[in-house]
Amino acid sequence: MRYAYVHSQPAPSSAYYSASRCQAAWSSWWGCWNGSTTAPGTYVTWRDSLAAQATYKGSPRPQKMLWTWYSLRGLGDAAGQGDGPREVVAINRADLLTRYMNDYRFFLQKIGNSNDMIDLEPDFWGYVRSLGDPHKVAAQVSAANPTDCGSQENSAAGLSRCLISMAHKYAPHTAVGLHLTCWDWQNNTQGCVKDYASLGAQNADLLVTDVSDRDAGWYAQPAHGGRDTFWTDQKAAAALRFYKTMAESVGKPVVLWQIPVGNMAQNNTLSHYKDDKVDWFFAHMDQVANAHIAGLLFGPGQQEQTSIETDGGNLISKTIAYHNSGGTALK
């Protein structure tokens, strides 16, 4: 699989969607990231085409796209609220949420009948949870999209449920999942279970979450916070228990996204940072499957990190060996 972010403020008007060509002034909107010589939305159709035509060592190896739809962050900017819990204010403004819903529908229509995956709004559901019961966080859902969401409640819970149902309607062969953002999971797993039930995660096809967006060796450096994000067996077991609990609570598998690519043979310099996640996962695939994890998506979350081109061939060699071993049955 390949993955890519879709992250910008929504188009200012519906005229953007029907235009035959983008305009130079529209370049900050995701639909025109490919430039003014292309039609709006080409970013999605172009990436889907590239993935379908992927090769490895000269042989066809078709891939599929996972789209990280991360646009409520942009809506927070449009509301003058910025990042964090304050951005939730934007979903209670009918004018802004209408633009957002129109943008999301256009995005789904560009996916169309492709067999893709969508990771819905990392971080945002965590900000909602920080404000209390998702059913009580106000959102102008029915006013913003009476066509698709007229029967949904006007809350963050209604919004998440609407986004899931819209994906099933407009991109019927695409699997959609809420991003699992529970920053308090270590001491409040049951609170996360309750809130994701409120958000309608059981209506989606999967849950998506991230292990770490940077290599542990990068985070360990004083300039980057001096954090310890290396895994021990105890840390890994705790994380897998959480994923398993969440998967069983909503009856859907988990996909782990943006897993750092570093390994312990690296030297903690640019593009060569140490990490232990690749080696740990491949050495414990029975535990991974037992936690109802259906996919491991490795890739750097920032340009300074170790990548598949700089890891000394570790990820590719372990992937090939795992494939040749016959793999591990999903549970």
C-alpha atoms as a PDB file:
ATOM      1  CA  MET A   1       0.000   0.000   0.000  1.00  0.00           C
ATOM      2  CA  ARG A   2       0.928   3.624  -0.373  1.00  0.00           C
ATOM      3  CA  TYR A   3      -0.408   6.411   1.773  1.00  0.00           C
ATOM      4  CA  ALA A   4      -0.833  10.128   1.347  1.00  0.00           C
ATOM      5  CA  TYR A   5      -2.354  13.000   3.291  1.00  0.00           C
ATOM      6  CA  VAL A   6      -5.243  15.109   2.045  1.00  0.00           C
ATOM      7  CA  HIS A   7      -4.978  18.254   4.123  1.00  0.00           C
ATOM      8  CA  SER A   8      -6.048  21.793   3.279  1.00  0.00           C
ATOM      9  CA  GLN A   9      -8.845  24.208   3.876  1.00  0.00           C
ATOM     10  CA  PRO A  10     -11.921  23.305   1.801  1.00  0.00           C
ATOM     11  CA  ALA A  11     -12.645  24.923  -1.526  1.00  0.00           C
ATOM     12  CA  PRO A  12     -14.282  28.352  -1.078  1.00  0.00           C
ATOM     13  CA  SER A  13     -17.131  27.556  -3.471  1.00  0.00           C
ATOM     14  CA  SER A  14     -18.709  24.711  -5.404  1.00  0.00           C
ATOM     15  CA  ALA A  15     -17.411  26.282  -8.644  1.00  0.00           C
ATOM     16  CA  TYR A  16     -14.055  24.647  -7.915  1.00  0.00           C
ATOM     17  CA  TYR A  17     -15.502  21.163  -8.312  1.00  0.00           C
ATOM     18  CA  SER A  18     -17.044  21.689 -11.751  1.00  0.00           C
ATOM     19  CA  ALA A  19     -14.181  23.650 -13.323  1.00  0.00           C
ATOM     20  CA  SER A  20     -12.488  22.007 -16.285  1.00  0.00           C
ATOM     21  CA  ARG A  21      -9.045  23.161 -15.117  1.00  0.00           C
ATOM     22  CA  CYS A  22      -7.526  24.389 -11.885  1.00  0.00           C
ATOM     23  CA  GLN A  23      -6.394  27.989 -11.607  1.00  0.00           C
ATOM     24  CA  ALA A  24      -3.011  29.053 -10.263  1.00  0.00           C
ATOM     25  CA  ALA A  25      -4.707  30.856  -7.386  1.00  0.00           C
ATOM     26  CA  TRP A  26      -6.260  27.566  -6.241  1.00  0.00           C
ATOM     27  CA  SER A  27      -2.939  25.792  -5.656  1.00  0.00           C
ATOM     28  CA  SER A  28      -3.251  25.677  -1.849  1.00  0.00           C
ATOM     29  CA  TRP A  29      -6.419  23.588  -2.096  1.00  0.00           C
ATOM     30  CA  TRP A  30      -5.711  19.841  -2.226  1.00  0.00           C
ATOM     31  CA  GLY A  31      -7.842  19.375  -5.356  1.00  0.00           C
ATOM     32  CA  CYS A  32      -5.380  21.509  -7.339  1.00  0.00           C
ATOM     33  CA  TRP A  33      -2.086  20.295  -5.894  1.00  0.00           C
ATOM     34  CA  ASN A  34      -1.204  18.901  -9.334  1.00  0.00           C
ATOM     35  CA  GLY A  35      -1.204  22.370 -10.857  1.00  0.00           C
ATOM     36  CA  SER A  36      -3.232  24.516 -13.213  1.00  0.00           C
ATOM     37  CA  THR A  37      -2.889  22.180 -16.210  1.00  0.00           C
ATOM     38  CA  THR A  38      -5.026  19.522 -14.552  1.00  0.00           C
ATOM     39  CA  ALA A  39      -8.665  19.178 -13.559  1.00  0.00           C
ATOM     40  CA  PRO A  40      -9.712  19.613  -9.918  1.00  0.00           C
ATOM     41  CA  GLY A  41      -9.312  16.375  -7.972  1.00  0.00           C
ATOM     42  CA  THR A  42      -6.506  15.020 -10.161  1.00  0.00           C
ATOM     43  CA  TYR A  43      -4.361  14.535  -7.053  1.00  0.00           C
ATOM     44  CA  VAL A  44      -6.564  11.570  -6.104  1.00  0.00           C
ATOM     45  CA  THR A  45      -7.047   9.998  -9.523  1.00  0.00           C
ATOM     46  CA  TRP A  46      -3.337  10.430 -10.369  1.00  0.00           C
ATOM     47  CA  ARG A  47      -2.166   8.754  -7.162  1.00  0.00           C
ATOM     48  CA  ASP A  48      -4.667   5.929  -7.563  1.00  0.00           C
ATOM     49  CA  SER A  49      -3.329   5.364 -11.077  1.00  0.00           C
ATOM     50  CA  LEU A  50       0.307   5.389  -9.935  1.00  0.00           C
ATOM     51  CA  ALA A  51      -0.437   2.856  -7.216  1.00  0.00           C
ATOM     52  CA  ALA A  52      -2.258   0.549  -9.613  1.00  0.00           C
ATOM     53  CA  GLN A  53       0.695   0.654 -12.022  1.00  0.00           C
ATOM     54  CA  ALA A  54       3.414   0.057  -9.415  1.00  0.00           C
ATOM     55  CA  THR A  55       6.249  -2.345 -10.217  1.00  0.00           C
ATOM     56  CA  TYR A  56       9.021  -4.053  -8.243  1.00  0.00           C
ATOM     57  CA  LYS A  57      12.231  -5.077 -10.024  1.00  0.00           C
ATOM     58  CA  GLY A  58      10.520  -4.763 -13.378  1.00  0.00           C
ATOM     59  CA  SER A  59       7.448  -6.853 -12.558  1.00  0.00           C
ATOM     60  CA  PRO A  60       3.942  -5.559 -11.899  1.00  0.00           C
ATOM     61  CA  ARG A  61       3.227  -5.160  -8.189  1.00  0.00           C
ATOM     62  CA  PRO A  62      -0.067  -3.223  -8.020  1.00  0.00           C
ATOM     63  CA  GLN A  63      -0.614  -1.271  -4.837  1.00  0.00           C
ATOM     64  CA  LYS A  64      -3.598   0.400  -3.205  1.00  0.00           C
ATOM     65  CA  MET A  65      -3.887   3.826  -1.592  1.00  0.00           C
ATOM     66  CA  LEU A  66      -4.586   4.659   2.014  1.00  0.00           C
ATOM     67  CA  TRP A  67      -5.769   8.244   2.197  1.00  0.00           C
ATOM     68  CA  THR A  68      -5.301  10.110   5.446  1.00  0.00           C
ATOM     69  CA  TRP A  69      -8.157  12.613   5.306  1.00  0.00           C
ATOM     70  CA  TYR A  70      -6.899  15.333   7.678  1.00  0.00           C
ATOM     71  CA  SER A  71      -8.994  18.352   6.790  1.00  0.00           C
ATOM     72  CA  LEU A  72     -10.801  19.316   9.987  1.00  0.00           C
ATOM     73  CA  ARG A  73      -7.421  20.732  10.989  1.00  0.00           C
ATOM     74  CA  GLY A  74      -7.733  23.091   8.001  1.00  0.00           C
ATOM     75  CA  LEU A  75     -11.294  23.926   8.991  1.00  0.00           C
ATOM     76  CA  GLY A  76      -9.980  24.977  12.388  1.00  0.00           C
ATOM     77  CA  ASP A  77      -7.657  27.402  10.627  1.00  0.00           C
ATOM     78  CA  ALA A  78     -10.559  28.721   8.555  1.00  0.00           C
ATOM     79  CA  ALA A  79     -12.428  29.380  11.807  1.00  0.00           C
ATOM     80  CA  GLY A  80      -9.419  31.236  13.213  1.00  0.00           C
ATOM     81  CA  GLN A  81      -8.959  28.610  15.905  1.00  0.00           C
ATOM     82  CA  GLY A  82      -5.783  26.791  14.857  1.00  0.00           C
ATOM     83  CA  ASP A  83      -4.752  23.372  16.154  1.00  0.00           C
ATOM     84  CA  GLY A  84      -6.018  21.557  19.229  1.00  0.00           C
ATOM     85  CA  PRO A  85      -9.350  21.401  21.068  1.00  0.00           C
ATOM     86  CA  ARG A  86     -10.234  24.920  19.888  1.00  0.00           C
ATOM     87  CA  GLU A  87     -10.557  23.675  16.298  1.00  0.00           C
ATOM     88  CA  VAL A  88     -13.652  21.686  17.303  1.00  0.00           C
ATOM     89  CA  VAL A  89     -15.469  25.042  17.329  1.00  0.00           C
ATOM     90  CA  ALA A  90     -15.420  24.955  13.518  1.00  0.00           C
ATOM     91  CA  ILE A  91     -17.846  22.024  13.241  1.00  0.00           C
ATOM     92  CA  ASN A  92     -20.547  24.111  14.925  1.00  0.00           C
ATOM     93  CA  ARG A  93     -20.404  26.720  12.162  1.00  0.00           C
ATOM     94  CA  ALA A  94     -22.807  25.733   9.398  1.00  0.00           C
ATOM     95  CA  ASP A  95     -21.032  27.851   6.768  1.00  0.00           C
ATOM     96  CA  LEU A  96     -17.655  26.195   7.341  1.00  0.00           C
ATOM     97  CA  LEU A  97     -18.973  22.679   7.856  1.00  0.00           C
ATOM     98  CA  THR A  98     -20.957  22.953   4.608  1.00  0.00           C
ATOM     99  CA  ARG A  99     -17.736  23.686   2.721  1.00  0.00           C
ATOM    100  CA  TYR A 100     -16.025  20.790   4.490  1.00  0.00           C
ATOM    101  CA  MET A 101     -18.817  18.336   3.632  1.00  0.00           C
ATOM    102  CA  ASN A 102     -18.812  19.439  -0.002  1.00  0.00           C
ATOM    103  CA  ASP A 103     -15.050  18.933  -0.138  1.00  0.00           C
ATOM    104  CA  TYR A 104     -15.264  15.501   1.432  1.00  0.00           C
ATOM    105  CA  ARG A 105     -17.995  14.418  -1.002  1.00  0.00           C
ATOM    106  CA  PHE A 106     -15.868  15.587  -3.947  1.00  0.00           C
ATOM    107  CA  PHE A 107     -12.879  13.657  -2.566  1.00  0.00           C
ATOM    108  CA  LEU A 108     -14.957  10.479  -2.237  1.00  0.00           C
ATOM    109  CA  GLN A 109     -16.359  10.895  -5.733  1.00  0.00           C
ATOM    110  CA  LYS A 110     -12.802  11.100  -7.095  1.00  0.00           C
ATOM    111  CA  ILE A 111     -11.991   7.798  -5.393  1.00  0.00           C
ATOM    112  CA  GLY A 112     -15.146   6.386  -6.947  1.00  0.00           C
ATOM    113  CA  ASN A 113     -14.907   2.627  -7.451  1.00  0.00           C
ATOM    114  CA  SER A 114     -11.239   2.287  -6.517  1.00  0.00           C
ATOM    115  CA  ASN A 115     -10.352  -0.229  -3.834  1.00  0.00           C
ATOM    116  CA  ASP A 116      -8.719   2.191  -1.410  1.00  0.00           C
ATOM    117  CA  MET A 117      -8.680   2.855   2.336  1.00  0.00           C
ATOM    118  CA  ILE A 118      -9.446   6.077   4.221  1.00  0.00           C
ATOM    119  CA  ASP A 119      -8.066   7.049   7.614  1.00  0.00           C
ATOM    120  CA  LEU A 120     -10.500   9.647   8.943  1.00  0.00           C
ATOM    121  CA  GLU A 121      -9.200  12.682  10.791  1.00  0.00           C
ATOM    122  CA  PRO A 122      -6.212  11.800  13.010  1.00  0.00           C
ATOM    123  CA  ASP A 123      -6.104  13.847  16.229  1.00  0.00           C
ATOM    124  CA  PHE A 124      -9.560  15.367  15.806  1.00  0.00           C
ATOM    125  CA  TRP A 125     -11.478  12.678  17.682  1.00  0.00           C
ATOM    126  CA  GLY A 126      -8.986  13.048  20.518  1.00  0.00           C
ATOM    127  CA  TYR A 127      -9.765  16.758  20.702  1.00  0.00           C
ATOM    128  CA  VAL A 128     -13.468  15.929  20.730  1.00  0.00           C
ATOM    129  CA  ARG A 129     -12.924  13.446  23.573  1.00  0.00           C
ATOM    130  CA  SER A 130     -11.065  16.102  25.560  1.00  0.00           C
ATOM    131  CA  LEU A 131     -14.271  18.176  25.561  1.00  0.00           C
ATOM    132  CA  GLY A 132     -16.491  15.399  26.898  1.00  0.00           C
ATOM    133  CA  ASP A 133     -19.200  13.119  25.528  1.00  0.00           C
ATOM    134  CA  PRO A 134     -19.093  13.191  21.671  1.00  0.00           C
ATOM    135  CA  HIS A 135     -22.896  13.230  21.669  1.00  0.00           C
ATOM    136  CA  LYS A 136     -22.772  16.568  23.494  1.00  0.00           C
ATOM    137  CA  VAL A 137     -20.122  18.324  21.385  1.00  0.00           C
ATOM    138  CA  ALA A 138     -22.167  20.545  19.057  1.00  0.00           C
ATOM    139  CA  ALA A 139     -21.903  20.314  15.248  1.00  0.00           C
ATOM    140  CA  GLN A 140     -24.169  21.677  12.503  1.00  0.00           C
ATOM    141  CA  VAL A 141     -24.362  18.333  10.718  1.00  0.00           C
ATOM    142  CA  SER A 142     -27.876  18.320   9.246  1.00  0.00           C
ATOM    143  CA  ALA A 143     -27.700  21.962   8.141  1.00  0.00           C
ATOM    144  CA  ALA A 144     -24.290  21.476   6.515  1.00  0.00           C
ATOM    145  CA  ASN A 145     -25.293  18.381   4.563  1.00  0.00           C
ATOM    146  CA  PRO A 146     -29.034  17.683   4.548  1.00  0.00           C
ATOM    147  CA  THR A 147     -28.646  15.434   1.498  1.00  0.00           C
ATOM    148  CA  ASP A 148     -26.379  12.866   3.140  1.00  0.00           C
ATOM    149  CA  CYS A 149     -26.703  13.620   6.845  1.00  0.00           C
ATOM    150  CA  GLY A 150     -30.181  14.961   7.391  1.00  0.00           C
ATOM    151  CA  SER A 151     -31.053  12.182   9.835  1.00  0.00           C
ATOM    152  CA  GLN A 152     -27.851  12.474  11.894  1.00  0.00           C
ATOM    153  CA  GLU A 153     -27.736  14.235  15.246  1.00  0.00           C
ATOM    154  CA  ASN A 154     -26.082  17.637  15.443  1.00  0.00           C
ATOM    155  CA  SER A 155     -23.004  16.571  17.351  1.00  0.00           C
ATOM    156  CA  ALA A 156     -19.473  15.327  16.829  1.00  0.00           C
ATOM    157  CA  ALA A 157     -20.923  11.818  17.059  1.00  0.00           C
ATOM    158  CA  GLY A 158     -23.353  12.655  14.266  1.00  0.00           C
ATOM    159  CA  LEU A 159     -20.510  14.082  12.187  1.00  0.00           C
ATOM    160  CA  SER A 160     -18.331  10.977  12.482  1.00  0.00           C
ATOM    161  CA  ARG A 161     -21.244   8.712  11.636  1.00  0.00           C
ATOM    162  CA  CYS A 162     -22.087  10.863   8.635  1.00  0.00           C
ATOM    163  CA  LEU A 163     -18.498  10.746   7.334  1.00  0.00           C
ATOM    164  CA  ILE A 164     -18.538   6.954   7.516  1.00  0.00           C
ATOM    165  CA  SER A 165     -21.888   6.640   5.735  1.00  0.00           C
ATOM    166  CA  MET A 166     -20.811   9.081   3.023  1.00  0.00           C
ATOM    167  CA  ALA A 167     -17.708   6.995   2.316  1.00  0.00           C
ATOM    168  CA  HIS A 168     -19.829   3.886   1.894  1.00  0.00           C
ATOM    169  CA  LYS A 169     -22.188   5.785  -0.420  1.00  0.00           C
ATOM    170  CA  TYR A 170     -19.717   7.561  -2.713  1.00  0.00           C
ATOM    171  CA  ALA A 171     -16.703   5.212  -2.576  1.00  0.00           C
ATOM    172  CA  PRO A 172     -18.415   1.840  -2.113  1.00  0.00           C
ATOM    173  CA  HIS A 173     -15.307  -0.327  -2.628  1.00  0.00           C
ATOM    174  CA  THR A 174     -13.162   1.669  -0.209  1.00  0.00           C
ATOM    175  CA  ALA A 175     -12.642   0.669   3.421  1.00  0.00           C
ATOM    176  CA  VAL A 176     -13.067   3.578   5.811  1.00  0.00           C
ATOM    177  CA  GLY A 177     -11.976   3.827   9.421  1.00  0.00           C
ATOM    178  CA  LEU A 178     -11.942   6.384  12.191  1.00  0.00           C
ATOM    179  CA  HIS A 179      -8.460   7.210  13.411  1.00  0.00           C
ATOM    180  CA  LEU A 180      -8.020   5.855  16.920  1.00  0.00           C
ATOM    181  CA  THR A 181      -6.870   8.880  18.922  1.00  0.00           C
ATOM    182  CA  CYS A 182      -6.917   8.006  22.610  1.00  0.00           C
ATOM    183  CA  TRP A 183      -4.038   9.818  24.246  1.00  0.00           C
ATOM    184  CA  ASP A 184      -5.193   8.542  27.656  1.00  0.00           C
ATOM    185  CA  TRP A 185      -5.355   4.875  26.598  1.00  0.00           C
ATOM    186  CA  GLN A 186      -2.916   3.668  29.252  1.00  0.00           C
ATOM    187  CA  ASN A 187      -5.217   4.670  32.114  1.00  0.00           C
ATOM    188  CA  ASN A 188      -8.623   5.058  30.453  1.00  0.00           C
ATOM    189  CA  THR A 189      -9.129   2.328  27.876  1.00  0.00           C
ATOM    190  CA  GLN A 190     -12.777   1.918  28.817  1.00  0.00           C
ATOM    191  CA  GLY A 191     -13.348   5.632  28.262  1.00  0.00           C
ATOM    192  CA  CYS A 192     -11.972   5.185  24.765  1.00  0.00           C
ATOM    193  CA  VAL A 193     -14.207   2.166  24.195  1.00  0.00           C
ATOM    194  CA  LYS A 194     -17.264   4.199  25.222  1.00  0.00           C
ATOM    195  CA  ASP A 195     -16.375   7.244  23.126  1.00  0.00           C
ATOM    196  CA  TYR A 196     -15.630   5.285  19.957  1.00  0.00           C
ATOM    197  CA  ALA A 197     -18.960   3.522  20.302  1.00  0.00           C
ATOM    198  CA  SER A 198     -20.538   6.978  20.483  1.00  0.00           C
ATOM    199  CA  LEU A 199     -18.613   8.038  17.378  1.00  0.00           C
ATOM    200  CA  GLY A 200     -20.025   5.055  15.477  1.00  0.00           C
ATOM    201  CA  ALA A 201     -16.734   3.226  14.912  1.00  0.00           C
ATOM    202  CA  GLN A 202     -18.723  -0.010  14.716  1.00  0.00           C
ATOM    203  CA  ASN A 203     -20.239   1.265  11.450  1.00  0.00           C
ATOM    204  CA  ALA A 204     -16.825   1.662   9.812  1.00  0.00           C
ATOM    205  CA  ASP A 205     -14.698  -1.070   8.227  1.00  0.00           C
ATOM    206  CA  LEU A 206     -11.626  -0.759  10.421  1.00  0.00           C
ATOM    207  CA  LEU A 207      -9.808   1.355  12.980  1.00  0.00           C
ATOM    208  CA  VAL A 208      -6.574   3.094  12.004  1.00  0.00           C
ATOM    209  CA  THR A 209      -3.917   4.235  14.421  1.00  0.00           C
ATOM    210  CA  ASP A 210      -0.236   5.125  14.486  1.00  0.00           C
ATOM    211  CA  VAL A 211       2.591   3.699  16.583  1.00  0.00           C
ATOM    212  CA  SER A 212       4.953   6.686  16.328  1.00  0.00           C
ATOM    213  CA  ASP A 213       5.453   9.358  13.688  1.00  0.00           C
ATOM    214  CA  ARG A 214       9.247   9.506  14.172  1.00  0.00           C
ATOM    215  CA  ASP A 215      12.100   7.073  14.705  1.00  0.00           C
ATOM    216  CA  ALA A 216      12.924   6.487  18.363  1.00  0.00           C
ATOM    217  CA  GLY A 217      16.539   7.550  17.777  1.00  0.00           C
ATOM    218  CA  TRP A 218      15.317  10.908  16.454  1.00  0.00           C
ATOM    219  CA  TYR A 219      13.048  11.479  19.466  1.00  0.00           C
ATOM    220  CA  ALA A 220      15.848  10.475  21.863  1.00  0.00           C
ATOM    221  CA  GLN A 221      18.037  13.396  20.821  1.00  0.00           C
ATOM    222  CA  PRO A 222      17.846  16.392  23.218  1.00  0.00           C
ATOM    223  CA  ALA A 223      16.974  18.737  20.345  1.00  0.00           C
ATOM    224  CA  HIS A 224      13.858  16.631  19.685  1.00  0.00           C
ATOM    225  CA  GLY A 225      12.682  16.275  23.274  1.00  0.00           C
ATOM    226  CA  GLY A 226      14.889  13.498  24.625  1.00  0.00           C
ATOM    227  CA  ARG A 227      11.928  11.100  24.666  1.00  0.00           C
ATOM    228  CA  ASP A 228      12.192   7.322  25.024  1.00  0.00           C
ATOM    229  CA  THR A 229       9.937   5.801  22.353  1.00  0.00           C
ATOM    230  CA  PHE A 230      11.844   2.550  21.936  1.00  0.00           C
ATOM    231  CA  TRP A 231       9.741  -0.542  22.615  1.00  0.00           C
ATOM    232  CA  THR A 232      10.300  -3.115  25.302  1.00  0.00           C
ATOM    233  CA  ASP A 233       8.294  -6.325  25.319  1.00  0.00           C
ATOM    234  CA  GLN A 234       6.223  -4.763  28.119  1.00  0.00           C
ATOM    235  CA  LYS A 235       5.464  -1.598  26.133  1.00  0.00           C
ATOM    236  CA  ALA A 236       4.587  -3.630  23.069  1.00  0.00           C
ATOM    237  CA  ALA A 237       2.326  -5.982  25.011  1.00  0.00           C
ATOM    238  CA  ALA A 238       0.469  -3.041  26.541  1.00  0.00           C
ATOM    239  CA  ALA A 239      -0.076  -1.449  23.135  1.00  0.00           C
ATOM    240  CA  LEU A 240      -1.305  -4.719  21.623  1.00  0.00           C
ATOM    241  CA  ARG A 241      -3.728  -5.238  24.513  1.00  0.00           C
ATOM    242  CA  PHE A 242      -5.169  -1.808  23.791  1.00  0.00           C
ATOM    243  CA  TYR A 243      -5.523  -2.477  20.059  1.00  0.00           C
ATOM    244  CA  LYS A 244      -7.165  -5.831  20.791  1.00  0.00           C
ATOM    245  CA  THR A 245      -9.613  -4.299  23.252  1.00  0.00           C
ATOM    246  CA  MET A 246     -10.609  -1.603  20.784  1.00  0.00           C
ATOM    247  CA  ALA A 247     -10.951  -4.067  17.892  1.00  0.00           C
ATOM    248  CA  GLU A 248     -13.181  -6.351  19.930  1.00  0.00           C
ATOM    249  CA  SER A 249     -15.237  -3.448  21.291  1.00  0.00           C
ATOM    250  CA  VAL A 250     -16.290  -2.297  17.805  1.00  0.00           C
ATOM    251  CA  GLY A 251     -15.976  -5.630  16.020  1.00  0.00           C
ATOM    252  CA  LYS A 252     -13.495  -4.296  13.460  1.00  0.00           C
ATOM    253  CA  PRO A 253      -9.790  -4.956  12.789  1.00  0.00           C
ATOM    254  CA  VAL A 254      -7.018  -2.444  13.405  1.00  0.00           C
ATOM    255  CA  VAL A 255      -4.522  -1.175  10.834  1.00  0.00           C
ATOM    256  CA  LEU A 256      -1.298   0.326  12.186  1.00  0.00           C
ATOM    257  CA  TRP A 257      -0.138   3.215  10.029  1.00  0.00           C
ATOM    258  CA  GLN A 258       3.042   5.272   9.837  1.00  0.00           C
ATOM    259  CA  ILE A 259       5.220   2.732  11.666  1.00  0.00           C
ATOM    260  CA  PRO A 260       8.821   4.046  11.779  1.00  0.00           C
ATOM    261  CA  VAL A 261      11.302   2.262   9.520  1.00  0.00           C
ATOM    262  CA  GLY A 262      14.534   2.655  11.532  1.00  0.00           C
ATOM    263  CA  ASN A 263      16.516  -0.253  12.923  1.00  0.00           C
ATOM    264  CA  MET A 264      19.265  -0.683  15.494  1.00  0.00           C
ATOM    265  CA  ALA A 265      22.015  -0.884  12.847  1.00  0.00           C
ATOM    266  CA  GLN A 266      21.539   2.822  12.061  1.00  0.00           C
ATOM    267  CA  ASN A 267      23.791   5.570  13.505  1.00  0.00           C
ATOM    268  CA  ASN A 268      21.276   8.293  14.486  1.00  0.00           C
ATOM    269  CA  THR A 269      22.205  10.698  11.713  1.00  0.00           C
ATOM    270  CA  LEU A 270      19.919  12.270   9.108  1.00  0.00           C
ATOM    271  CA  SER A 271      17.794   9.542   7.435  1.00  0.00           C
ATOM    272  CA  HIS A 272      19.575   6.871   9.501  1.00  0.00           C
ATOM    273  CA  TYR A 273      17.897   6.866  12.909  1.00  0.00           C
ATOM    274  CA  LYS A 274      17.578   3.843  15.151  1.00  0.00           C
ATOM    275  CA  ASP A 275      14.266   2.219  16.008  1.00  0.00           C
ATOM    276  CA  ASP A 276      13.077  -1.248  16.994  1.00  0.00           C
ATOM    277  CA  LYS A 277       9.494  -1.458  15.686  1.00  0.00           C
ATOM    278  CA  VAL A 278      10.224  -3.206  12.362  1.00  0.00           C
ATOM    279  CA  ASP A 279      12.246  -5.960  14.002  1.00  0.00           C
ATOM    280  CA  TRP A 280       9.806  -6.344  16.909  1.00  0.00           C
ATOM    281  CA  PHE A 281       6.747  -6.713  14.719  1.00  0.00           C
ATOM    282  CA  PHE A 282       8.287  -9.261  12.366  1.00  0.00           C
ATOM    283  CA  ALA A 283       9.505 -11.311  15.334  1.00  0.00           C
ATOM    284  CA  HIS A 284       6.056 -11.350  16.986  1.00  0.00           C
ATOM    285  CA  MET A 285       3.542 -11.704  14.161  1.00  0.00           C
ATOM    286  CA  ASP A 286       1.511 -14.268  16.105  1.00  0.00           C
ATOM    287  CA  GLN A 287       0.907 -11.655  18.815  1.00  0.00           C
ATOM    288  CA  VAL A 288       0.119  -9.036  16.164  1.00  0.00           C
ATOM    289  CA  ALA A 289      -2.518 -11.288  14.585  1.00  0.00           C
ATOM    290  CA  ASN A 290      -3.952 -12.176  17.997  1.00  0.00           C
ATOM    291  CA  ALA A 291      -4.564  -8.457  18.600  1.00  0.00           C
ATOM    292  CA  HIS A 292      -6.765  -8.377  15.450  1.00  0.00           C
ATOM    293  CA  ILE A 293      -4.268  -6.205  13.583  1.00  0.00           C
ATOM    294  CA  ALA A 294      -4.950  -6.699   9.886  1.00  0.00           C
ATOM    295  CA  GLY A 295      -2.222  -4.502   8.417  1.00  0.00           C
ATOM    296  CA  LEU A 296       1.169  -3.026   9.245  1.00  0.00           C
ATOM    297  CA  LEU A 297       1.938   0.067   7.161  1.00  0.00           C
ATOM    298  CA  PHE A 298       5.569   1.119   7.521  1.00  0.00           C
ATOM    299  CA  GLY A 299       6.779   4.542   6.454  1.00  0.00           C
ATOM    300  CA  PRO A 300       8.382   7.717   7.797  1.00  0.00           C
ATOM    301  CA  GLY A 301       6.136  10.433   9.166  1.00  0.00           C
ATOM    302  CA  GLN A 302       8.622  13.219   8.487  1.00  0.00           C
ATOM    303  CA  GLN A 303      11.364  13.858   5.942  1.00  0.00           C
ATOM    304  CA  GLU A 304      14.352  13.447   8.312  1.00  0.00           C
ATOM    305  CA  GLN A 305      13.480   9.877   9.288  1.00  0.00           C
ATOM    306  CA  THR A 306      14.877   6.551   8.166  1.00  0.00           C
ATOM    307  CA  SER A 307      13.148   5.401   4.990  1.00  0.00           C
ATOM    308  CA  ILE A 308      12.967   2.206   2.995  1.00  0.00           C
ATOM    309  CA  GLU A 309      15.726   3.669   0.794  1.00  0.00           C
ATOM    310  CA  THR A 310      18.067   4.324   3.745  1.00  0.00           C
ATOM    311  CA  ASP A 311      17.446   1.430   6.181  1.00  0.00           C
ATOM    312  CA  GLY A 312      20.035  -0.891   4.644  1.00  0.00           C
ATOM    313  CA  GLY A 313      17.377  -3.140   3.112  1.00  0.00           C
ATOM    314  CA  ASN A 314      16.062  -4.295   6.495  1.00  0.00           C
ATOM    315  CA  LEU A 315      12.333  -3.785   5.868  1.00  0.00           C
ATOM    316  CA  ILE A 316      12.372  -5.291   2.387  1.00  0.00           C
ATOM    317  CA  SER A 317      14.385  -8.342   3.461  1.00  0.00           C
ATOM    318  CA  LYS A 318      12.092  -9.013   6.420  1.00  0.00           C
ATOM    319  CA  THR A 319       8.988  -8.539   4.262  1.00  0.00           C
ATOM    320  CA  ILE A 320      10.254 -11.012   1.663  1.00  0.00           C
ATOM    321  CA  ALA A 321      11.169 -13.550   4.351  1.00  0.00           C
ATOM    322  CA  TYR A 322       7.764 -13.164   5.954  1.00  0.00           C
ATOM    323  CA  HIS A 323       6.002 -13.619   2.619  1.00  0.00           C
ATOM    324  CA  ASN A 324       8.065 -16.720   1.856  1.00  0.00           C
ATOM    325  CA  SER A 325       7.203 -18.170   5.271  1.00  0.00           C
ATOM    326  CA  GLY A 326       3.510 -18.179   4.389  1.00  0.00           C
ATOM    327  CA  GLY A 327       2.490 -15.395   6.728  1.00  0.00           C
ATOM    328  CA  THR A 328       0.226 -15.490   9.790  1.00  0.00           C
ATOM    329  CA  ALA A 329      -3.504 -16.061   9.764  1.00  0.00           C
ATOM    330  CA  LEU A 330      -5.720 -13.127  10.684  1.00  0.00           C
ATOM    331  CA  LYS A 331      -7.784 -13.500  13.845  1.00  0.00           C
END
